[in-house]
Amino acid sequence: MSLVSQIILNADNELRYPTIGELQSINNYLKTGEIRICISIKIRDKEKEIIQQASKSIFQIHPEYIAPGGNAEGSRKRSLCLRDYGWYLRLVTYGVLTGDKNSIEKIGLIGVREMYSSLGVPIIGMIDAINCLKKATIKTLQEDEVVIIEPYFNFIIQGMS
């Protein structure tokens, strides 16, 4: 749900008009609309490059993941890890576009710890992987774009912690 939709629903549920603060939030969100779209386009266009850089970084931090018996051993398991990278990258863009973290929480964080635990994936490795994804993404963006996108990565990292 977008920031605008959330504010309207909250106001309607409380039978009131949006507050000055809520209207200012909508105004700020609308002012950054073009930047949010540019961020989404850049990430879409550079997804493979970002994922490649992030995967190189995570396997330097955790070489045991690609070693025999590791969670990302072999091309099949490694491709599954990289698929998750793309999924989390898309989740971040959904947050950026909507200006809201609820979609990230609903789609990507509820039950994530249990899922990775049941699959035998170390959660610290996923947190490190999202950090690597964040760093690789930030390298492709301008400073004003980083300010917008960083909180969404941080939200995922905190949700996994």
C-alpha atoms as a PDB file:
ATOM      1  CA  MET A   1       0.000   0.000   0.000  1.00  0.00           C
ATOM      2  CA  SER A   2       1.339   3.455  -0.792  1.00  0.00           C
ATOM      3  CA  LEU A   3       2.053   6.154   1.741  1.00  0.00           C
ATOM      4  CA  VAL A   4      -0.842   8.173   0.332  1.00  0.00           C
ATOM      5  CA  SER A   5      -3.273   5.243   0.588  1.00  0.00           C
ATOM      6  CA  GLN A   6      -2.150   4.452   4.124  1.00  0.00           C
ATOM      7  CA  ILE A   7      -2.677   8.032   5.284  1.00  0.00           C
ATOM      8  CA  ILE A   8      -6.126   8.190   3.716  1.00  0.00           C
ATOM      9  CA  LEU A   9      -7.163   4.848   5.220  1.00  0.00           C
ATOM     10  CA  ASN A  10      -5.915   5.854   8.671  1.00  0.00           C
ATOM     11  CA  ALA A  11      -7.789   9.156   8.514  1.00  0.00           C
ATOM     12  CA  ASP A  12     -10.943   7.446   7.270  1.00  0.00           C
ATOM     13  CA  ASN A  13     -10.766   4.782   9.985  1.00  0.00           C
ATOM     14  CA  GLU A  14     -10.606   7.585  12.556  1.00  0.00           C
ATOM     15  CA  LEU A  15     -13.333   9.614  10.782  1.00  0.00           C
ATOM     16  CA  ARG A  16     -11.107  12.661  10.323  1.00  0.00           C
ATOM     17  CA  TYR A  17      -9.268  14.629   7.683  1.00  0.00           C
ATOM     18  CA  PRO A  18      -5.533  14.009   7.249  1.00  0.00           C
ATOM     19  CA  THR A  19      -3.463  16.040   9.699  1.00  0.00           C
ATOM     20  CA  ILE A  20      -1.058  18.781   8.662  1.00  0.00           C
ATOM     21  CA  GLY A  21       1.821  16.372   9.348  1.00  0.00           C
ATOM     22  CA  GLU A  22       0.237  13.676   7.181  1.00  0.00           C
ATOM     23  CA  LEU A  23      -0.384  16.159   4.374  1.00  0.00           C
ATOM     24  CA  GLN A  24       3.254  17.282   4.631  1.00  0.00           C
ATOM     25  CA  SER A  25       4.332  13.619   4.360  1.00  0.00           C
ATOM     26  CA  ILE A  26       2.271  13.279   1.178  1.00  0.00           C
ATOM     27  CA  ASN A  27       3.764  16.503  -0.172  1.00  0.00           C
ATOM     28  CA  ASN A  28       7.328  15.321   0.541  1.00  0.00           C
ATOM     29  CA  TYR A  29       6.577  11.949  -1.050  1.00  0.00           C
ATOM     30  CA  LEU A  30       5.169  13.564  -4.201  1.00  0.00           C
ATOM     31  CA  LYS A  31       8.175  15.894  -4.477  1.00  0.00           C
ATOM     32  CA  THR A  32      10.491  12.873  -4.611  1.00  0.00           C
ATOM     33  CA  GLY A  33       8.353  10.943  -7.093  1.00  0.00           C
ATOM     34  CA  GLU A  34      10.647  11.461 -10.070  1.00  0.00           C
ATOM     35  CA  ILE A  35      13.710  10.420  -8.057  1.00  0.00           C
ATOM     36  CA  ARG A  36      11.890   7.302  -6.823  1.00  0.00           C
ATOM     37  CA  ILE A  37      11.066   6.306 -10.390  1.00  0.00           C
ATOM     38  CA  CYS A  38      14.681   6.937 -11.473  1.00  0.00           C
ATOM     39  CA  ILE A  39      15.932   4.733  -8.628  1.00  0.00           C
ATOM     40  CA  SER A  40      13.602   1.941  -9.691  1.00  0.00           C
ATOM     41  CA  ILE A  41      14.712   2.199 -13.322  1.00  0.00           C
ATOM     42  CA  LYS A  42      18.414   2.205 -12.389  1.00  0.00           C
ATOM     43  CA  ILE A  43      18.031  -0.849 -10.187  1.00  0.00           C
ATOM     44  CA  ARG A  44      16.012  -2.675 -12.837  1.00  0.00           C
ATOM     45  CA  ASP A  45      18.583  -1.879 -15.512  1.00  0.00           C
ATOM     46  CA  LYS A  46      21.591  -2.751 -13.322  1.00  0.00           C
ATOM     47  CA  GLU A  47      20.106  -5.710 -11.454  1.00  0.00           C
ATOM     48  CA  LYS A  48      22.546  -8.286 -12.842  1.00  0.00           C
ATOM     49  CA  GLU A  49      25.540  -6.050 -12.128  1.00  0.00           C
ATOM     50  CA  ILE A  50      24.339  -5.324  -8.585  1.00  0.00           C
ATOM     51  CA  ILE A  51      23.658  -8.990  -7.836  1.00  0.00           C
ATOM     52  CA  GLN A  52      27.000 -10.050  -9.298  1.00  0.00           C
ATOM     53  CA  GLN A  53      28.869  -7.539  -7.117  1.00  0.00           C
ATOM     54  CA  ALA A  54      26.845  -8.453  -4.009  1.00  0.00           C
ATOM     55  CA  SER A  55      27.384 -12.182  -4.522  1.00  0.00           C
ATOM     56  CA  LYS A  56      31.114 -11.673  -4.975  1.00  0.00           C
ATOM     57  CA  SER A  57      31.173  -9.730  -1.698  1.00  0.00           C
ATOM     58  CA  ILE A  58      29.128 -12.239   0.336  1.00  0.00           C
ATOM     59  CA  PHE A  59      31.247 -15.169  -0.796  1.00  0.00           C
ATOM     60  CA  GLN A  60      34.380 -13.266   0.222  1.00  0.00           C
ATOM     61  CA  ILE A  61      32.866 -12.740   3.670  1.00  0.00           C
ATOM     62  CA  HIS A  62      31.559 -16.324   3.886  1.00  0.00           C
ATOM     63  CA  PRO A  63      33.645 -18.545   1.578  1.00  0.00           C
ATOM     64  CA  GLU A  64      32.296 -21.559   3.469  1.00  0.00           C
ATOM     65  CA  TYR A  65      28.957 -21.064   1.706  1.00  0.00           C
ATOM     66  CA  ILE A  66      30.422 -22.041  -1.673  1.00  0.00           C
ATOM     67  CA  ALA A  67      32.786 -24.686  -0.258  1.00  0.00           C
ATOM     68  CA  PRO A  68      31.801 -28.372  -0.455  1.00  0.00           C
ATOM     69  CA  GLY A  69      28.809 -28.887   1.843  1.00  0.00           C
ATOM     70  CA  GLY A  70      28.006 -25.151   1.956  1.00  0.00           C
ATOM     71  CA  ASN A  71      24.582 -23.621   1.448  1.00  0.00           C
ATOM     72  CA  ALA A  72      25.583 -22.201  -1.961  1.00  0.00           C
ATOM     73  CA  GLU A  73      27.713 -25.132  -3.115  1.00  0.00           C
ATOM     74  CA  GLY A  74      27.367 -25.824  -6.817  1.00  0.00           C
ATOM     75  CA  SER A  75      25.621 -23.871  -9.519  1.00  0.00           C
ATOM     76  CA  ARG A  76      22.070 -24.931  -8.601  1.00  0.00           C
ATOM     77  CA  LYS A  77      22.266 -23.831  -4.957  1.00  0.00           C
ATOM     78  CA  ARG A  78      24.154 -20.681  -5.900  1.00  0.00           C
ATOM     79  CA  SER A  79      21.501 -19.726  -8.450  1.00  0.00           C
ATOM     80  CA  LEU A  80      18.820 -20.114  -5.746  1.00  0.00           C
ATOM     81  CA  CYS A  81      20.760 -17.696  -3.522  1.00  0.00           C
ATOM     82  CA  LEU A  82      21.068 -15.211  -6.369  1.00  0.00           C
ATOM     83  CA  ARG A  83      17.355 -15.560  -7.096  1.00  0.00           C
ATOM     84  CA  ASP A  84      16.699 -14.403  -3.516  1.00  0.00           C
ATOM     85  CA  TYR A  85      18.996 -11.423  -4.111  1.00  0.00           C
ATOM     86  CA  GLY A  86      16.841 -10.357  -7.051  1.00  0.00           C
ATOM     87  CA  TRP A  87      13.714 -10.847  -4.986  1.00  0.00           C
ATOM     88  CA  TYR A  88      14.986  -8.634  -2.149  1.00  0.00           C
ATOM     89  CA  LEU A  89      16.145  -6.019  -4.641  1.00  0.00           C
ATOM     90  CA  ARG A  90      12.636  -5.914  -6.111  1.00  0.00           C
ATOM     91  CA  LEU A  91      11.139  -5.625  -2.621  1.00  0.00           C
ATOM     92  CA  VAL A  92      13.311  -2.580  -1.979  1.00  0.00           C
ATOM     93  CA  THR A  93      12.107  -0.949  -5.191  1.00  0.00           C
ATOM     94  CA  TYR A  94       8.485  -1.637  -4.203  1.00  0.00           C
ATOM     95  CA  GLY A  95       9.150   0.203  -0.944  1.00  0.00           C
ATOM     96  CA  VAL A  96      10.860   3.056  -2.752  1.00  0.00           C
ATOM     97  CA  LEU A  97       7.987   3.436  -5.216  1.00  0.00           C
ATOM     98  CA  THR A  98       5.224   3.286  -2.609  1.00  0.00           C
ATOM     99  CA  GLY A  99       7.104   5.300   0.000  1.00  0.00           C
ATOM    100  CA  ASP A 100       6.051   2.683   2.525  1.00  0.00           C
ATOM    101  CA  LYS A 101       7.687  -0.275   4.279  1.00  0.00           C
ATOM    102  CA  ASN A 102       4.471  -2.247   4.771  1.00  0.00           C
ATOM    103  CA  SER A 103       4.790  -4.052   1.446  1.00  0.00           C
ATOM    104  CA  ILE A 104       8.319  -5.135   2.366  1.00  0.00           C
ATOM    105  CA  GLU A 105       7.115  -6.437   5.705  1.00  0.00           C
ATOM    106  CA  LYS A 106       4.081  -8.270   4.299  1.00  0.00           C
ATOM    107  CA  ILE A 107       5.797  -9.738   1.250  1.00  0.00           C
ATOM    108  CA  GLY A 108       9.320 -10.244   2.496  1.00  0.00           C
ATOM    109  CA  LEU A 109       9.747 -10.297   6.247  1.00  0.00           C
ATOM    110  CA  ILE A 110       6.859 -12.105   7.873  1.00  0.00           C
ATOM    111  CA  GLY A 111       8.109 -15.621   8.490  1.00  0.00           C
ATOM    112  CA  VAL A 112      11.477 -15.075   6.828  1.00  0.00           C
ATOM    113  CA  ARG A 113      13.511 -16.182   9.861  1.00  0.00           C
ATOM    114  CA  GLU A 114      11.497 -19.384  10.174  1.00  0.00           C
ATOM    115  CA  MET A 115      11.748 -20.095   6.461  1.00  0.00           C
ATOM    116  CA  TYR A 116      15.516 -19.700   6.328  1.00  0.00           C
ATOM    117  CA  SER A 117      15.935 -21.675   9.545  1.00  0.00           C
ATOM    118  CA  SER A 118      13.860 -24.541   8.123  1.00  0.00           C
ATOM    119  CA  LEU A 119      16.031 -24.498   4.991  1.00  0.00           C
ATOM    120  CA  GLY A 120      19.223 -24.530   7.057  1.00  0.00           C
ATOM    121  CA  VAL A 121      20.268 -21.075   5.851  1.00  0.00           C
ATOM    122  CA  PRO A 122      22.145 -19.124   8.535  1.00  0.00           C
ATOM    123  CA  ILE A 123      20.238 -15.899   9.221  1.00  0.00           C
ATOM    124  CA  ILE A 124      23.499 -14.013   9.831  1.00  0.00           C
ATOM    125  CA  GLY A 125      24.460 -14.945   6.280  1.00  0.00           C
ATOM    126  CA  MET A 126      21.222 -13.486   4.942  1.00  0.00           C
ATOM    127  CA  ILE A 127      21.786 -10.295   6.921  1.00  0.00           C
ATOM    128  CA  ASP A 128      25.319 -10.078   5.519  1.00  0.00           C
ATOM    129  CA  ALA A 129      23.937 -10.774   2.038  1.00  0.00           C
ATOM    130  CA  ILE A 130      21.412  -7.924   2.292  1.00  0.00           C
ATOM    131  CA  ASN A 131      24.212  -5.638   3.496  1.00  0.00           C
ATOM    132  CA  CYS A 132      26.283  -6.642   0.454  1.00  0.00           C
ATOM    133  CA  LEU A 133      23.267  -6.036  -1.779  1.00  0.00           C
ATOM    134  CA  LYS A 134      22.781  -2.624  -0.176  1.00  0.00           C
ATOM    135  CA  LYS A 135      26.429  -1.638  -0.721  1.00  0.00           C
ATOM    136  CA  ALA A 136      26.418  -2.827  -4.332  1.00  0.00           C
ATOM    137  CA  THR A 137      23.189  -0.925  -5.019  1.00  0.00           C
ATOM    138  CA  ILE A 138      24.406   2.278  -3.397  1.00  0.00           C
ATOM    139  CA  LYS A 139      27.460   2.284  -5.680  1.00  0.00           C
ATOM    140  CA  THR A 140      25.118   2.704  -8.656  1.00  0.00           C
ATOM    141  CA  LEU A 141      23.146   5.628  -7.208  1.00  0.00           C
ATOM    142  CA  GLN A 142      23.619   9.330  -6.580  1.00  0.00           C
ATOM    143  CA  GLU A 143      23.663  10.775  -3.067  1.00  0.00           C
ATOM    144  CA  ASP A 144      20.067  12.045  -3.145  1.00  0.00           C
ATOM    145  CA  GLU A 145      18.934   8.594  -4.288  1.00  0.00           C
ATOM    146  CA  VAL A 146      20.902   6.816  -1.554  1.00  0.00           C
ATOM    147  CA  VAL A 147      19.069   8.839   1.109  1.00  0.00           C
ATOM    148  CA  ILE A 148      15.764   7.537  -0.253  1.00  0.00           C
ATOM    149  CA  ILE A 149      16.699   3.874  -0.711  1.00  0.00           C
ATOM    150  CA  GLU A 150      18.848   3.183   2.350  1.00  0.00           C
ATOM    151  CA  PRO A 151      15.993   3.024   4.895  1.00  0.00           C
ATOM    152  CA  TYR A 152      14.333   0.192   2.954  1.00  0.00           C
ATOM    153  CA  PHE A 153      17.468  -1.952   3.028  1.00  0.00           C
ATOM    154  CA  ASN A 154      17.900  -1.122   6.715  1.00  0.00           C
ATOM    155  CA  PHE A 155      14.306  -2.160   7.375  1.00  0.00           C
ATOM    156  CA  ILE A 156      14.944  -5.606   5.848  1.00  0.00           C
ATOM    157  CA  ILE A 157      18.182  -5.995   7.796  1.00  0.00           C
ATOM    158  CA  GLN A 158      16.471  -5.023  11.067  1.00  0.00           C
ATOM    159  CA  GLY A 159      13.560  -7.343  10.294  1.00  0.00           C
ATOM    160  CA  MET A 160      15.938 -10.271   9.882  1.00  0.00           C
ATOM    161  CA  SER A 161      17.933  -9.457  13.002  1.00  0.00           C
END
